[in-house]
Protein backbone atom coordinates (compact mmCIF):
# COMPACT_ATOMS: atom_id res chain seq x y z
CA MET A 1 -223.27 126.57 43.27
CA SER A 2 -221.73 125.52 39.98
CA SER A 3 -218.24 124.12 39.94
CA LYS A 4 -215.85 125.56 37.44
CA THR A 5 -213.59 123.26 35.56
CA SER A 6 -210.17 124.27 34.44
CA PRO A 7 -209.26 123.75 30.80
CA PHE A 8 -206.51 121.50 32.22
CA ASP A 9 -208.93 119.20 34.04
CA ILE A 10 -208.65 115.72 32.60
CA PRO A 11 -211.59 113.36 33.06
CA ALA A 12 -210.81 110.51 35.47
CA ASP A 13 -211.22 107.77 32.86
CA MET A 14 -208.94 109.63 30.43
CA ARG A 15 -206.36 110.12 33.20
CA LYS A 16 -206.44 106.39 34.06
CA MET A 17 -206.07 105.44 30.41
CA THR A 18 -203.15 107.85 30.01
CA GLU A 19 -201.45 106.54 33.15
CA LYS A 20 -201.90 102.96 31.95
CA SER A 21 -200.45 103.86 28.56
CA MET A 22 -197.47 105.52 30.23
CA GLU A 23 -196.85 102.39 32.31
CA GLN A 24 -196.96 100.26 29.16
CA VAL A 25 -194.47 102.55 27.44
CA ARG A 26 -192.25 102.51 30.54
CA ALA A 27 -192.32 98.69 30.59
CA ALA A 28 -191.48 98.53 26.88
CA ILE A 29 -188.57 100.93 27.25
CA ASN A 30 -187.27 99.08 30.31
CA GLY A 31 -187.41 95.86 28.30
CA TYR A 32 -185.49 97.53 25.48
CA ILE A 33 -182.82 98.80 27.89
CA GLN A 34 -182.47 95.32 29.39
CA PHE A 35 -182.10 93.93 25.86
CA LEU A 36 -179.35 96.47 25.13
CA GLN A 37 -177.57 95.59 28.37
CA ARG A 38 -177.45 91.95 27.32
CA ALA A 39 -176.72 92.62 23.64
CA VAL A 40 -173.99 95.25 23.85
CA PRO A 41 -170.60 93.62 24.42
CA ASP A 42 -168.63 94.84 27.43
CA ASP A 43 -165.84 96.13 25.24
CA ALA A 44 -168.13 98.18 22.99
CA MET A 45 -167.87 101.97 23.06
CA GLY A 46 -164.58 102.07 24.93
CA GLY A 47 -165.13 99.40 27.52
CA SER A 48 -167.65 98.23 30.04
CA GLU A 49 -167.35 101.37 32.19
CA LEU A 50 -168.44 103.62 29.33
CA SER A 51 -171.19 101.23 28.16
CA SER A 52 -172.48 101.00 31.71
CA LYS A 53 -172.52 104.78 32.13
CA VAL A 54 -174.32 105.35 28.83
CA LEU A 55 -177.05 102.87 29.77
CA THR A 56 -177.31 104.24 33.32
CA TYR A 57 -177.70 107.79 32.03
CA ALA A 58 -180.28 106.66 29.48
CA GLU A 59 -182.27 104.97 32.25
CA ARG A 60 -182.01 108.03 34.48
CA ASN A 61 -183.08 110.41 31.69
CA LEU A 62 -186.05 108.21 30.81
CA ALA A 63 -187.07 108.03 34.47
CA ASN A 64 -186.94 111.83 34.64
CA ALA A 65 -189.07 112.11 31.50
CA PHE A 66 -191.65 109.71 32.92
CA GLU A 67 -191.71 111.59 36.21
CA PHE A 68 -192.31 114.77 34.23
CA GLY A 69 -195.17 113.04 32.40
CA GLN A 70 -196.73 111.92 35.68
CA ARG A 71 -196.45 115.41 37.13
CA LEU A 72 -197.84 116.87 33.92
CA LEU A 73 -201.05 114.93 34.52
CA GLN A 74 -201.45 116.82 37.80
CA VAL A 75 -201.14 120.33 36.30
CA ARG A 76 -204.20 122.47 36.91
CA ASP A 77 -203.36 125.78 35.25
CA VAL A 78 -201.03 127.51 32.80
CA GLN A 79 -198.81 128.84 35.58
CA GLY A 80 -198.31 125.32 36.94
CA LEU A 81 -197.56 124.05 33.43
CA LEU A 82 -194.95 126.75 32.83
CA GLN A 83 -193.33 126.19 36.23
CA LEU A 84 -193.18 122.42 35.70
CA GLN A 85 -191.71 122.82 32.21
CA MET A 86 -189.11 125.31 33.42
CA GLU A 87 -188.02 123.06 36.30
CA PHE A 88 -187.80 120.03 34.02
CA VAL A 89 -185.73 121.84 31.40
CA GLN A 90 -183.36 123.23 34.06
CA ARG A 91 -182.88 119.81 35.69
CA GLN A 92 -182.35 118.06 32.37
CA THR A 93 -179.94 120.71 31.11
CA GLN A 94 -177.83 120.39 34.26
CA ALA A 95 -177.98 116.58 34.16
CA LEU A 96 -177.00 116.44 30.47
CA ALA A 97 -174.07 118.81 31.05
CA GLU A 98 -172.83 116.65 33.93
CA GLN A 99 -173.32 113.48 31.91
CA ALA A 100 -171.48 114.90 28.91
CA PHE A 101 -168.54 115.91 31.11
CA ASP A 102 -168.42 112.49 32.75
CA LEU A 103 -168.73 110.62 29.46
CA ARG A 104 -166.00 112.76 27.90
CA GLU A 105 -163.65 111.92 30.77
CA THR A 106 -164.52 108.23 30.62
CA THR A 107 -164.06 108.14 26.84
CA THR A 108 -160.72 109.92 27.07
CA LYS A 109 -159.58 107.45 29.72
CA ALA A 110 -160.68 104.47 27.61
CA VAL A 111 -158.95 105.82 24.49
CA MET A 112 -155.73 106.51 26.42
CA GLU A 113 -155.77 102.99 27.89
CA SER A 114 -156.39 101.50 24.45
CA VAL A 115 -153.56 103.46 22.88
CA LYS A 116 -151.25 102.59 25.77
CA SER A 117 -152.03 98.87 25.49
CA LYS A 118 -151.45 98.93 21.69
CA PHE A 119 -148.05 100.55 22.10
CA LEU A 120 -147.07 98.11 24.86
CA CYS A 121 -148.12 95.13 22.72
CA SER A 122 -146.14 96.37 19.69
């Protein structure tokens, strides 16, 4: 009995190498985000609340992308690939819409507080 291989089957050594590469990229990006957290002043971009949210959303979006990459390695057929892609795009679209709304509100609040403090100091 011959075993059929799917065109999506990835050899074990290639899969391990890809997973290791993804972990190295994840570590590099996490290091970069930590650098940004230390380097960006608290009052940048409208205050520490906004800076914190931007970095948190960036971390969350990267984590989702890496999860997608890990799940992509498990795909066995075109239908699975299409389903995974569709789910990822839907989740990211919803997350980005929510993040944009939240960041807009936070930015508006920071601008209003800045304007208010400038008028009170004048």
